[in-house]
């Protein structure tokens, strides 16, 4: 029995050792699996974090689309409205077409003339407005020195599109004339004028067939007729600083700025009496007599350039990059306001900026580039009670 028990114990011992070895092996495997599970868990967290980050980045990329989609919704509504308006217009046009068949040519011609008259009357009521926006520029030509002036006559007839060109701000008396913008671009001069005096600055203006300019080293304004080649008038602008006493920020003897708008002829300058701040004077175009003056509180030496639209002076804060219309003064109400109307100073140095009421545009000389800016005005419709 002892022998049998010994054998049984031996067998059990062998099995136990084998099982023990198996358990040890399993324990090692379990530890390995546990480590792998830990690794998988860590990897899962890392992967989740990475996926979450990817999703967040994609959401960030998609966020700007929300206002776009909102705009699409708005545009879709507008398109629907446009479609409805087009349908209505088509119906109206069909009615007009049927109506036209009921009139003879002479009657239709009279109706067209009547409509043109009414349209002209409407345009007269929209002559003036407040500056809201400046767009452009359109580069017309590259020529001359860094400083100069070019202009057309706002009172010329529709068929008269002559361009005048005055290079540099001093030591010059030559005015070049071109029959059209196209001739100006191609360089085809039609006539040259030799003025009796040198001019100062670049702030001249052509108005109703005459050139108005500041006589060099003086505060005298000259009116010169292109038709007769003679000086029609000259007058000293009382107390006006000259010869770089009160120029714009860029200098160049730009003390006296002559300009025209829908109302008439103007001079913008500064005086000691007004502490170097801008003075606006409305001039009689024939005699150059000052009709009325307004004293502003804007220092002229801090102004980049200025121009008149509908009796309001608009002043830029600089002649360099980042320029904007910063200040305006209404001669109608004798009040001022600070504005923020940016415009693109493409060539970085403006030495002339003038409004032309016929073209509804700003003419500029920008670092040897002759450019045009379009203006957007908020129109005020005149009534019979307006004076």
Protein backbone atom coordinates (compact mmCIF):
# COMPACT_ATOMS: atom_id res chain seq x y z
CA UNK A 1 0.00 0.00 0.00
CA UNK A 2 2.89 2.29 0.88
CA UNK A 3 4.47 1.49 -2.46
CA UNK A 4 1.21 2.17 -4.25
CA UNK A 5 0.81 5.44 -2.36
CA UNK A 6 4.38 6.39 -3.17
CA UNK A 7 3.69 5.77 -6.85
CA UNK A 8 0.45 7.75 -6.66
CA UNK A 9 2.23 10.61 -4.92
CA UNK A 10 4.95 10.48 -7.55
CA UNK A 11 2.39 10.64 -10.32
CA UNK A 12 0.55 13.43 -8.50
CA UNK A 13 3.84 15.23 -7.98
CA UNK A 14 4.64 15.00 -11.69
CA UNK A 15 1.17 16.29 -12.58
CA UNK A 16 1.44 19.01 -9.99
CA UNK A 17 4.81 20.14 -11.34
CA UNK A 18 3.44 20.05 -14.87
CA UNK A 19 0.36 22.02 -13.82
CA UNK A 20 2.57 24.38 -11.86
CA UNK A 21 4.70 24.95 -14.94
CA UNK A 22 1.51 25.48 -16.94
CA UNK A 23 0.22 27.92 -14.36
CA UNK A 24 3.54 29.78 -14.41
CA UNK A 25 3.34 29.89 -18.18
CA UNK A 26 -0.26 31.08 -18.03
CA UNK A 27 0.71 33.66 -15.46
CA UNK A 28 3.35 35.00 -17.83
CA UNK A 29 0.83 35.01 -20.66
CA UNK A 30 -1.74 36.76 -18.46
CA UNK A 31 0.80 39.39 -17.54
CA UNK A 32 1.58 39.84 -21.23
CA UNK A 33 -2.11 40.09 -22.07
CA UNK A 34 -2.62 42.55 -19.24
CA UNK A 35 0.23 44.67 -20.58
CA UNK A 36 -1.26 44.44 -24.08
CA UNK A 37 -4.67 45.47 -22.77
CA UNK A 38 -3.06 48.41 -21.02
CA UNK A 39 -1.27 49.29 -24.25
CA UNK A 40 -4.52 48.94 -26.20
CA UNK A 41 -6.30 51.14 -23.65
CA UNK A 42 -3.55 53.75 -23.89
CA UNK A 43 -3.55 53.47 -27.67
CA UNK A 44 -7.33 53.79 -27.70
CA UNK A 45 -7.14 56.98 -25.63
CA UNK A 46 -4.41 58.34 -27.90
CA UNK A 47 -6.37 57.30 -30.98
CA UNK A 48 -9.55 58.80 -29.59
CA UNK A 49 -7.70 62.00 -28.79
CA UNK A 50 -6.24 62.07 -32.30
CA UNK A 51 -9.64 61.35 -33.85
CA UNK A 52 -11.21 64.01 -31.64
CA UNK A 53 -8.53 66.50 -32.68
CA UNK A 54 -9.06 65.62 -36.35
CA UNK A 55 -12.80 66.08 -35.94
CA UNK A 56 -12.28 69.41 -34.15
CA UNK A 57 -10.00 70.63 -36.93
CA UNK A 58 -12.57 69.59 -39.52
CA UNK A 59 -15.29 71.39 -37.55
CA UNK A 60 -13.09 74.47 -37.34
CA UNK A 61 -12.69 74.28 -41.12
CA UNK A 62 -16.45 73.95 -41.55
CA UNK A 63 -17.40 76.78 -39.16
CA UNK A 64 -16.72 79.54 -41.76
CA UNK A 65 -19.18 77.78 -44.06
CA UNK A 66 -22.06 78.56 -41.70
CA UNK A 67 -22.32 82.27 -42.68
CA UNK A 68 -21.78 81.23 -46.30
CA UNK A 69 -24.70 78.82 -46.06
CA UNK A 70 -26.75 81.54 -44.38
CA UNK A 71 -25.84 83.83 -47.26
CA UNK A 72 -26.86 81.12 -49.73
CA UNK A 73 -30.24 80.97 -47.97
CA UNK A 74 -30.54 84.74 -48.27
CA UNK A 75 -29.41 84.67 -51.91
CA UNK A 76 -31.93 81.93 -52.64
CA UNK A 77 -34.68 84.19 -51.29
CA UNK A 78 -33.35 87.07 -53.38
CA UNK A 79 -33.28 84.90 -56.49
CA UNK A 80 -36.88 83.92 -55.84
CA UNK A 81 -37.77 87.60 -55.52
CA UNK A 82 -35.84 88.42 -58.70
CA UNK A 83 -37.69 85.69 -60.57
CA UNK A 84 -40.99 87.16 -59.42
CA UNK A 85 -39.89 90.67 -60.41
CA UNK A 86 -38.75 89.43 -63.81
CA UNK A 87 -42.12 87.76 -64.34
CA UNK A 88 -43.85 91.01 -63.41
CA UNK A 89 -41.51 92.98 -65.67
CA UNK A 90 -42.17 90.60 -68.55
CA UNK A 91 -45.89 91.17 -68.09
CA UNK A 92 -45.37 94.95 -68.06
CA UNK A 93 -43.14 94.80 -71.15
CA UNK A 94 -45.71 92.71 -72.97
CA UNK A 95 -48.31 95.33 -72.08
CA UNK A 96 -46.02 98.12 -73.30
CA UNK A 97 -45.34 96.24 -76.52
CA UNK A 98 -49.07 95.89 -77.12
CA UNK A 99 -49.56 99.55 -76.23
CA UNK A 100 -46.83 100.69 -78.63
CA UNK A 101 -48.75 99.12 -81.48
CA UNK A 102 -51.61 101.48 -80.74
CA UNK A 103 -49.57 104.68 -81.34
CA UNK A 104 -48.08 106.14 -84.47
CA UNK A 105 -44.43 107.15 -84.71
CA UNK A 106 -44.93 110.88 -84.10
CA UNK A 107 -46.91 110.33 -80.94
CA UNK A 108 -44.30 107.88 -79.65
CA UNK A 109 -41.53 110.36 -80.44
CA UNK A 110 -43.28 113.07 -78.41
CA UNK A 111 -43.70 110.66 -75.50
CA UNK A 112 -39.98 109.83 -75.63
CA UNK A 113 -39.06 113.54 -75.60
CA UNK A 114 -41.38 114.09 -72.65
CA UNK A 115 -39.79 111.17 -70.82
CA UNK A 116 -36.28 112.55 -71.48
CA UNK A 117 -37.33 115.91 -70.03
CA UNK A 118 -38.72 114.23 -66.93
CA UNK A 119 -35.53 112.17 -66.55
CA UNK A 120 -33.39 115.30 -66.79
CA UNK A 121 -35.53 116.94 -64.12
CA UNK A 122 -35.04 113.88 -61.92
CA UNK A 123 -31.27 114.00 -62.46
CA UNK A 124 -31.23 117.65 -61.43
CA UNK A 125 -32.85 116.63 -58.16
CA UNK A 126 -30.07 114.08 -57.65
CA UNK A 127 -27.16 116.42 -58.33
CA UNK A 128 -25.88 116.49 -54.78
CA UNK A 129 -25.22 113.95 -52.09
CA UNK A 130 -22.99 112.86 -49.24
CA UNK A 131 -19.83 110.86 -49.93
CA UNK A 132 -20.26 107.25 -48.82
CA UNK A 133 -17.60 105.23 -50.64
CA UNK A 134 -14.51 105.54 -52.89
CA UNK A 135 -13.61 102.67 -55.23
CA UNK A 136 -10.75 102.06 -57.61
CA UNK A 137 -8.33 103.28 -58.66
CA UNK A 138 -8.32 102.88 -62.43
CA UNK A 139 -4.82 103.58 -63.74
CA UNK A 140 -5.18 105.73 -66.86
CA UNK A 141 -1.52 106.44 -67.59
CA UNK A 142 2.01 106.40 -66.16
CA UNK A 143 3.90 109.59 -66.99
CA UNK A 144 5.74 112.61 -65.66
CA UNK A 145 7.43 113.17 -62.33
CA UNK A 146 6.16 112.04 -58.92
CA UNK A 147 4.10 115.24 -58.62
CA UNK A 148 1.66 116.87 -61.01
CA UNK A 149 -1.96 117.48 -61.99
CA UNK A 150 -4.32 116.39 -64.74
CA UNK A 151 -7.96 117.34 -65.20
CA UNK A 152 -11.00 117.81 -67.43
CA UNK A 153 -13.55 120.65 -67.38
CA UNK A 154 -16.67 119.73 -65.34
CA UNK A 155 -18.70 122.37 -67.21
CA UNK A 156 -17.68 121.22 -70.70
CA UNK A 157 -20.31 119.82 -73.05
CA UNK A 158 -20.69 116.07 -73.46
CA UNK A 159 -18.77 116.20 -76.76
CA UNK A 160 -15.89 118.17 -75.25
CA UNK A 161 -13.61 115.73 -73.42
CA UNK A 162 -10.35 117.67 -73.46
CA UNK A 163 -7.68 116.73 -70.92
CA UNK A 164 -5.11 119.15 -69.46
CA UNK A 165 -1.79 117.99 -68.03
CA UNK A 166 0.57 119.98 -65.78
CA UNK A 167 3.72 118.14 -64.67
CA UNK A 168 5.63 118.99 -61.45
CA UNK A 169 4.70 121.41 -58.65
CA UNK A 170 6.96 124.33 -59.55
CA UNK A 171 9.38 125.80 -62.08
CA UNK A 172 7.04 125.07 -64.97
CA UNK A 173 4.69 127.07 -67.20
CA UNK A 174 3.79 124.47 -69.85
CA UNK A 175 0.23 123.09 -69.99
CA UNK A 176 -0.40 120.24 -72.42
CA UNK A 177 -3.83 119.68 -73.93
CA UNK A 178 -5.32 116.47 -75.36
CA UNK A 179 -8.63 116.16 -77.21
CA UNK A 180 -9.73 113.08 -75.29
CA UNK A 181 -8.70 110.52 -72.69
CA UNK A 182 -7.73 108.20 -75.54
CA UNK A 183 -5.38 110.85 -76.99
CA UNK A 184 -4.00 111.47 -73.51
CA UNK A 185 -3.22 107.78 -73.07
CA UNK A 186 -1.57 107.56 -76.50
CA UNK A 187 0.32 110.84 -76.00
CA UNK A 188 -1.26 112.63 -78.97
CA UNK A 189 -1.10 116.29 -77.89
CA UNK A 190 -3.48 118.70 -79.59
CA UNK A 191 -2.06 121.94 -78.18
CA UNK A 192 0.51 123.37 -75.76
CA UNK A 193 0.06 126.53 -73.67
CA UNK A 194 2.92 128.61 -72.27
CA UNK A 195 1.52 130.38 -69.22
CA UNK A 196 2.69 133.92 -68.38
CA UNK A 197 3.62 132.83 -64.83
CA UNK A 198 4.99 129.71 -63.17
CA UNK A 199 2.52 127.88 -60.97
CA UNK A 200 2.90 126.72 -57.36
CA UNK A 201 1.72 123.31 -56.18
CA UNK A 202 -0.46 120.83 -58.04
CA UNK A 203 -3.88 122.09 -56.97
CA UNK A 204 -5.09 123.77 -60.15
CA UNK A 205 -8.54 123.46 -61.68
CA UNK A 206 -10.05 123.93 -65.15
CA UNK A 207 -13.54 125.40 -64.88
CA UNK A 208 -15.78 126.67 -67.67
CA UNK A 209 -12.96 126.90 -70.20
CA UNK A 210 -10.42 128.66 -67.97
CA UNK A 211 -7.49 127.49 -65.87
CA UNK A 212 -7.28 128.69 -62.28
CA UNK A 213 -3.88 128.36 -60.60
CA UNK A 214 -1.74 129.78 -57.79
CA UNK A 215 1.03 132.07 -59.03
CA UNK A 216 4.47 130.92 -57.83
CA UNK A 217 5.81 132.50 -54.60
CA UNK A 218 2.58 134.40 -53.94
CA UNK A 219 -0.98 134.00 -52.72
CA UNK A 220 -2.26 135.38 -56.03
CA UNK A 221 -4.84 133.36 -57.98
CA UNK A 222 -4.68 133.55 -61.77
CA UNK A 223 -7.59 132.96 -64.18
CA UNK A 224 -6.21 132.05 -67.61
CA UNK A 225 -8.39 131.58 -70.72
CA UNK A 226 -7.47 128.68 -72.98
CA UNK A 227 -9.50 130.19 -75.83
CA UNK A 228 -7.77 133.59 -75.87
CA UNK A 229 -4.44 132.65 -74.26
CA UNK A 230 -4.74 135.64 -71.92
CA UNK A 231 -5.03 136.23 -68.19
CA UNK A 232 -8.66 137.23 -67.54
CA UNK A 233 -8.30 137.98 -63.83
CA UNK A 234 -5.88 137.82 -60.91
CA UNK A 235 -6.43 138.48 -57.24
CA UNK A 236 -4.56 138.06 -53.99
CA UNK A 237 -6.20 135.64 -51.56
CA UNK A 238 -6.08 137.73 -48.38
CA UNK A 239 -4.05 136.31 -45.48
CA UNK A 240 -3.53 132.97 -47.28
CA UNK A 241 -0.22 131.31 -46.47
CA UNK A 242 1.97 130.42 -49.46
CA UNK A 243 5.34 128.96 -50.48
CA UNK A 244 5.23 125.98 -48.05
CA UNK A 245 3.95 127.94 -45.06
CA UNK A 246 0.74 125.88 -44.86
CA UNK A 247 1.03 123.04 -47.41
CA UNK A 248 -0.48 119.58 -47.28
CA UNK A 249 1.63 116.90 -45.56
CA UNK A 250 3.69 116.20 -48.68
CA UNK A 251 4.78 119.83 -49.13
CA UNK A 252 5.30 120.90 -52.74
CA UNK A 253 3.98 124.48 -52.30
CA UNK A 254 0.49 123.00 -51.96
CA UNK A 255 -0.65 125.89 -49.72
CA UNK A 256 -3.57 127.00 -51.90
CA UNK A 257 -5.89 124.34 -53.33
CA UNK A 258 -8.31 125.47 -56.04
CA UNK A 259 -11.26 123.19 -56.80
CA UNK A 260 -14.76 123.08 -58.24
CA UNK A 261 -17.90 121.11 -57.50
CA UNK A 262 -21.64 121.22 -58.30
CA UNK A 263 -21.96 124.58 -56.52
CA UNK A 264 -19.02 126.48 -58.02
CA UNK A 265 -15.40 127.50 -57.57
CA UNK A 266 -13.54 127.16 -54.25
CA UNK A 267 -10.19 127.92 -52.64
CA UNK A 268 -8.91 125.88 -49.69
CA UNK A 269 -5.97 127.29 -47.73
CA UNK A 270 -4.81 128.28 -44.23
CA UNK A 271 -4.12 131.56 -42.46
CA UNK A 272 -2.30 132.76 -39.37
CA UNK A 273 -5.60 134.27 -38.22
CA UNK A 274 -7.12 130.76 -38.19
CA UNK A 275 -4.03 129.29 -36.46
CA UNK A 276 -2.96 127.37 -39.55
CA UNK A 277 -6.29 125.57 -39.80
CA UNK A 278 -8.11 125.14 -43.10
CA UNK A 279 -10.17 128.03 -44.47
CA UNK A 280 -12.73 127.40 -47.23
CA UNK A 281 -13.63 130.29 -49.54
CA UNK A 282 -16.20 130.33 -52.31
CA UNK A 283 -14.94 132.43 -55.24
CA UNK A 284 -16.61 134.39 -57.99
CA UNK A 285 -15.41 132.60 -61.12
CA UNK A 286 -15.14 135.85 -63.11
CA UNK A 287 -13.52 138.28 -60.66
CA UNK A 288 -11.99 135.78 -58.16
CA UNK A 289 -13.58 137.80 -55.38
CA UNK A 290 -14.23 135.86 -52.15
CA UNK A 291 -18.00 135.48 -51.79
CA UNK A 292 -17.99 133.80 -48.39
CA UNK A 293 -15.49 132.01 -46.13
CA UNK A 294 -15.68 129.27 -43.50
CA UNK A 295 -13.00 128.68 -40.85
CA UNK A 296 -12.53 125.05 -39.86
CA UNK A 297 -10.59 123.56 -36.98
CA UNK A 298 -8.57 121.10 -39.08
CA UNK A 299 -4.82 121.90 -39.34
CA UNK A 300 -3.86 122.07 -43.00
CA UNK A 301 -0.38 120.65 -42.44
CA UNK A 302 -2.02 117.46 -41.09
CA UNK A 303 -4.13 116.98 -44.24
CA UNK A 304 -2.98 114.68 -47.01
CA UNK A 305 -5.29 116.17 -49.65
CA UNK A 306 -8.84 117.54 -49.88
CA UNK A 307 -11.68 117.93 -52.38
CA UNK A 308 -15.17 119.47 -52.52
CA UNK A 309 -18.40 117.61 -53.32
CA UNK A 310 -21.72 119.47 -53.14
CA UNK A 311 -20.36 122.21 -50.90
CA UNK A 312 -18.75 119.81 -48.44
CA UNK A 313 -14.98 119.65 -48.02
CA UNK A 314 -13.56 116.14 -47.57
CA UNK A 315 -10.06 115.88 -46.08
CA UNK A 316 -7.75 112.85 -46.17
CA UNK A 317 -5.57 112.04 -43.17
CA UNK A 318 -2.46 111.24 -45.24
CA UNK A 319 -0.96 111.23 -48.73
CA UNK A 320 0.73 107.86 -48.08
CA UNK A 321 -0.38 104.23 -47.67
CA UNK A 322 -3.44 103.75 -45.49
CA UNK A 323 -4.97 107.08 -46.48
CA UNK A 324 -8.66 107.61 -45.85
CA UNK A 325 -11.16 110.45 -45.85
CA UNK A 326 -10.97 111.38 -42.19
CA UNK A 327 -12.80 114.70 -41.85
CA UNK A 328 -15.56 116.62 -43.61
CA UNK A 329 -16.90 120.15 -43.29
CA UNK A 330 -20.29 121.22 -44.68
CA UNK A 331 -20.49 124.83 -45.82
CA UNK A 332 -24.28 124.49 -45.92
CA UNK A 333 -24.57 123.83 -42.19
CA UNK A 334 -21.15 125.18 -41.05
CA UNK A 335 -20.58 121.89 -39.18
CA UNK A 336 -17.90 119.22 -39.31
CA UNK A 337 -17.68 115.50 -38.61
CA UNK A 338 -14.98 112.85 -38.45
CA UNK A 339 -15.42 110.15 -41.07
CA UNK A 340 -13.81 106.84 -41.99
CA UNK A 341 -13.91 106.32 -45.77
CA UNK A 342 -10.86 104.30 -46.88
CA UNK A 343 -9.55 104.20 -50.44
CA UNK A 344 -6.74 102.28 -52.13
CA UNK A 345 -3.60 104.42 -52.38
CA UNK A 346 -2.08 101.98 -54.87
CA UNK A 347 1.13 103.85 -55.65
CA UNK A 348 1.78 105.20 -52.13
CA UNK A 349 2.09 108.96 -52.74
CA UNK A 350 -0.83 111.19 -53.72
CA UNK A 351 0.07 114.76 -54.68
CA UNK A 352 -3.26 115.76 -56.28
CA UNK A 353 -6.84 114.65 -55.62
CA UNK A 354 -9.76 116.56 -57.16
CA UNK A 355 -13.45 115.85 -57.72
CA UNK A 356 -15.05 116.28 -61.16
CA UNK A 357 -18.81 116.81 -60.92
CA UNK A 358 -19.49 115.89 -64.55
CA UNK A 359 -17.68 112.54 -64.34
CA UNK A 360 -18.64 111.90 -60.69
CA UNK A 361 -15.03 110.81 -60.18
CA UNK A 362 -11.86 111.79 -58.35
CA UNK A 363 -8.83 112.64 -60.50
CA UNK A 364 -5.54 111.82 -58.78
CA UNK A 365 -1.81 112.04 -59.43
CA UNK A 366 -0.31 109.10 -57.55
CA UNK A 367 3.48 108.87 -57.71
CA UNK A 368 3.72 109.47 -61.46
CA UNK A 369 0.48 107.57 -62.20
CA UNK A 370 -2.64 109.35 -63.42
CA UNK A 371 -5.58 107.52 -61.87
CA UNK A 372 -9.34 107.80 -61.41
CA UNK A 373 -11.46 106.87 -58.39
CA UNK A 374 -15.21 106.31 -58.54
CA UNK A 375 -17.32 107.84 -55.79
CA UNK A 376 -20.61 106.65 -54.33
CA UNK A 377 -22.88 109.39 -53.03
CA UNK A 378 -25.91 109.17 -50.77
CA UNK A 379 -28.27 111.36 -52.78
CA UNK A 380 -30.60 113.83 -51.20
CA UNK A 381 -33.63 114.47 -53.39
CA UNK A 382 -34.46 118.16 -53.59
CA UNK A 383 -38.03 119.29 -53.06
CA UNK A 384 -39.76 122.45 -54.22
CA UNK A 385 -39.18 123.97 -50.76
CA UNK A 386 -35.37 123.59 -50.98
CA UNK A 387 -33.42 126.70 -51.87
